[in-house]
Protein backbone atom coordinates (compact mmCIF):
# COMPACT_ATOMS: atom_id res chain seq x y z
CA MET A 1 14.79 1.96 7.71
CA ASN A 2 12.76 3.39 10.57
CA LYS A 3 10.88 1.20 13.01
CA LEU A 4 7.80 -0.19 11.28
CA LYS A 5 4.51 1.40 12.27
CA SER A 6 1.13 -0.29 12.10
CA PRO A 7 -1.53 1.63 10.17
CA VAL A 8 -3.56 4.19 12.10
CA ASN A 9 -6.65 6.00 10.86
CA ILE A 10 -5.70 9.67 11.27
CA HIS A 11 -5.90 10.91 7.68
CA ASP A 12 -8.74 11.46 5.21
CA ASN A 13 -7.41 9.36 2.33
CA TYR A 14 -4.89 6.58 1.78
CA HIS A 15 -3.15 4.29 -0.65
CA ALA A 16 -2.36 0.66 0.08
CA HIS A 17 0.39 -0.78 -2.11
CA VAL A 18 0.36 -4.56 -2.19
CA TYR A 19 3.88 -5.83 -3.02
CA PHE A 20 4.41 -9.16 -4.78
CA GLU A 21 6.75 -11.13 -7.00
CA GLN A 22 6.34 -13.51 -9.94
CA GLU A 23 5.50 -16.40 -7.59
CA THR A 24 2.73 -14.44 -5.85
CA LEU A 25 1.43 -12.49 -8.87
CA GLU A 26 -1.83 -14.40 -9.28
CA PHE A 27 -2.58 -14.30 -5.56
CA ALA A 28 -1.98 -10.52 -5.53
CA ARG A 29 -4.31 -10.06 -8.51
CA VAL A 30 -7.07 -11.97 -6.73
CA LEU A 31 -6.49 -10.11 -3.46
CA CYS A 32 -6.74 -6.71 -5.14
CA GLN A 33 -9.84 -7.77 -7.08
CA GLN A 34 -11.44 -8.95 -3.84
CA ALA A 35 -10.71 -5.54 -2.28
CA ASN A 36 -12.58 -3.96 -5.18
CA ASP A 37 -15.47 -6.42 -5.02
CA LEU A 38 -15.94 -6.42 -1.23
CA PHE A 39 -15.26 -2.76 -0.45
CA THR A 40 -15.87 -0.99 -3.80
CA LEU A 41 -12.41 0.60 -3.65
CA GLN A 42 -10.43 2.07 -6.51
CA VAL A 43 -7.86 -0.53 -7.54
CA GLY A 44 -5.07 0.44 -9.89
CA ARG A 45 -3.14 -1.63 -12.38
CA VAL A 46 -1.07 -4.61 -11.33
CA HIS A 47 2.46 -3.42 -12.10
CA GLN A 48 4.95 -6.14 -12.99
CA LYS A 49 7.89 -3.77 -12.59
CA PRO A 50 8.97 -1.20 -10.00
CA ILE A 51 6.98 2.05 -10.28
CA GLY A 52 7.79 5.39 -8.63
CA PRO A 53 9.20 4.88 -5.13
CA HIS A 54 8.13 1.23 -5.05
CA PRO A 55 11.10 -1.13 -5.57
CA LYS A 56 8.91 -4.22 -6.10
CA TRP A 57 5.97 -5.17 -8.28
CA SER A 58 2.82 -3.69 -6.78
CA CYS A 59 -0.86 -2.87 -7.04
CA GLN A 60 -2.30 0.33 -5.59
CA ILE A 61 -5.63 0.49 -3.75
CA THR A 62 -7.12 3.90 -2.94
CA PHE A 63 -9.41 4.22 0.07
CA SER A 64 -10.69 6.73 2.60
CA SER A 65 -10.84 6.98 6.38
CA THR A 66 -14.42 5.72 6.25
CA ASP A 67 -13.18 2.45 4.65
CA PHE A 68 -10.14 2.13 6.93
CA GLU A 69 -11.61 0.31 9.96
CA GLN A 70 -13.06 -2.53 7.86
CA PHE A 71 -10.56 -2.65 5.00
CA ILE A 72 -7.23 -2.65 6.85
CA PRO A 73 -8.03 -5.58 9.19
CA TRP A 74 -9.42 -7.52 6.21
CA LEU A 75 -6.30 -6.78 4.15
CA ASP A 76 -3.99 -7.75 7.01
CA GLU A 77 -5.86 -11.02 7.57
CA ASN A 78 -5.93 -11.95 3.87
CA ARG A 79 -2.52 -10.82 2.56
CA GLN A 80 -0.91 -14.24 3.24
CA GLY A 81 2.55 -12.87 3.96
CA LEU A 82 2.66 -10.16 1.30
CA SER A 83 4.06 -6.82 2.42
CA VAL A 84 1.65 -3.90 2.15
CA LEU A 85 2.58 -0.23 2.39
CA VAL A 86 -0.28 1.92 3.67
CA HIS A 87 0.31 5.65 3.41
CA ALA A 88 -1.64 8.85 3.76
CA LEU A 89 -2.56 11.08 0.82
CA THR A 90 -1.90 14.58 2.11
CA GLY A 91 -0.42 16.12 -1.03
CA ASP A 92 3.15 15.91 0.32
CA ASN A 93 4.60 12.80 -1.33
CA LEU A 94 7.80 12.79 0.73
CA GLN A 95 5.95 13.04 4.03
CA ASP A 96 3.28 10.55 2.90
CA HIS A 97 5.94 7.93 2.07
CA THR A 98 8.01 8.51 5.24
CA GLU A 99 6.29 10.02 8.28
CA PHE A 100 2.80 8.86 7.23
CA ALA A 101 3.90 5.42 5.95
CA TYR A 102 2.64 2.31 7.74
CA TRP A 103 3.17 -1.40 7.11
CA LEU A 104 1.31 -4.66 7.11
CA GLY A 105 4.01 -7.31 7.17
CA SER A 106 7.66 -6.60 6.49
CA GLY A 107 8.73 -3.14 5.42
CA VAL A 108 10.40 -2.53 2.08
CA GLU A 109 12.99 0.21 1.50
CA LEU A 110 11.35 2.83 -0.73
CA ASN A 111 13.12 5.02 -3.27
CA ILE A 112 12.10 8.31 -1.67
CA ASP A 113 14.86 10.25 -3.45
CA ILE A 114 12.39 10.83 -6.30
CA PHE A 115 10.45 13.14 -3.95
CA ARG A 116 13.47 15.26 -2.97
CA PRO A 117 14.38 18.39 -4.94
CA SER A 118 17.37 17.91 -7.28
């Protein structure tokens, strides 16, 4: 895995994927709901299985560059040890999940092979 990069606000739109396990499921639900309530962000389903390139259970939060400066510090301060992938939404999934991928907490190895041509 590449050196972990902290999130930087250089793109128009982003996803934050909050990773969790059975033991932290309820905390993750509350955290994602708080993101919706406090910042009026689009929060996806809480997936209790790996989805797409994400090898752990996760919840996706969609936000823009205008939300970034308030949301990311809040998320980092309130994640209580959960790993969070923050990535750009440029339309290039491979690049978004590699070059434009940033982390709050420990990084997780993604299954990026799904974005490579067969």
